[in-house]
């Protein structure tokens, strides 16, 4: 059976980690860079951290310059999409003739291509062999070999930790519609620089007692801050305290101030 026929048989198949496929992308194929245009790339929280470091800008600057915010009609939760160039080709802003200028920090979706997955267990093809000729190459991978080689394992622990937060809408009977709650999600999960300011420059540390070793770590470590942000969202959304401890003295003091103002 010819490679094209073998590939056609595989395209509709659901694969798991041990299944094999053929793929190799390189500058010698005629479709090089063509997949990097007019595409919708949802960004992972870790993608923002990687890309803003590569570009040497803040996460807030990155979000404002390079992304669009979208709200899920099903859940009401926000997500961010990489903004394509506003030209006819709608190219990715980071692609050059020689390839990806941020390749080491490229998004999760770019790493996973030509595969796609929803749960991280079953995989399908998103690449089309009539357009992506890398699928006609003879280099063979298992799904897990591809994942490992593309650096996707470091996303796994985060995905597992964030699963309940990202599916928070399942705790409610309808989509989240509160703009403040949507903004809270966006800041906590995608804008570590802004969230760090919220923690250290607002009354946050008066309201909550946070261990010094945790504070020391999240002051400079964006990934540690993301785990911390997830815990804060669990408290705010589900009432799960975890390592966050409410400062009862602060709450009683604020309560007394409110009651005192009402009595005047």
Foldseek 3Di string as FASTA:
>chain_A
DALVVVVVVAQPDKAFQQDKAFFDADLPDPLHQLVQFPDWAWFFQQLLVLVCVVVVHALVVCCVPFWDWDADQFARAITITGAFDPDPRSGRPQADNRGGNSQVSDGPVVLLPQWDDDPNGIIHGNDDCVNRVRRNDPDMDGSNRSCVVSVVVVVVVVCVLCVCVVVVSVVDPGHDDDPVVNVLNCCLRHGLVVVLCVCPVHCNCVQWPADPVLNVCSNPPSVSSSSVSSQVSCCVRVVDQVRTHTDVVSVVVVVVVVVVVVVD
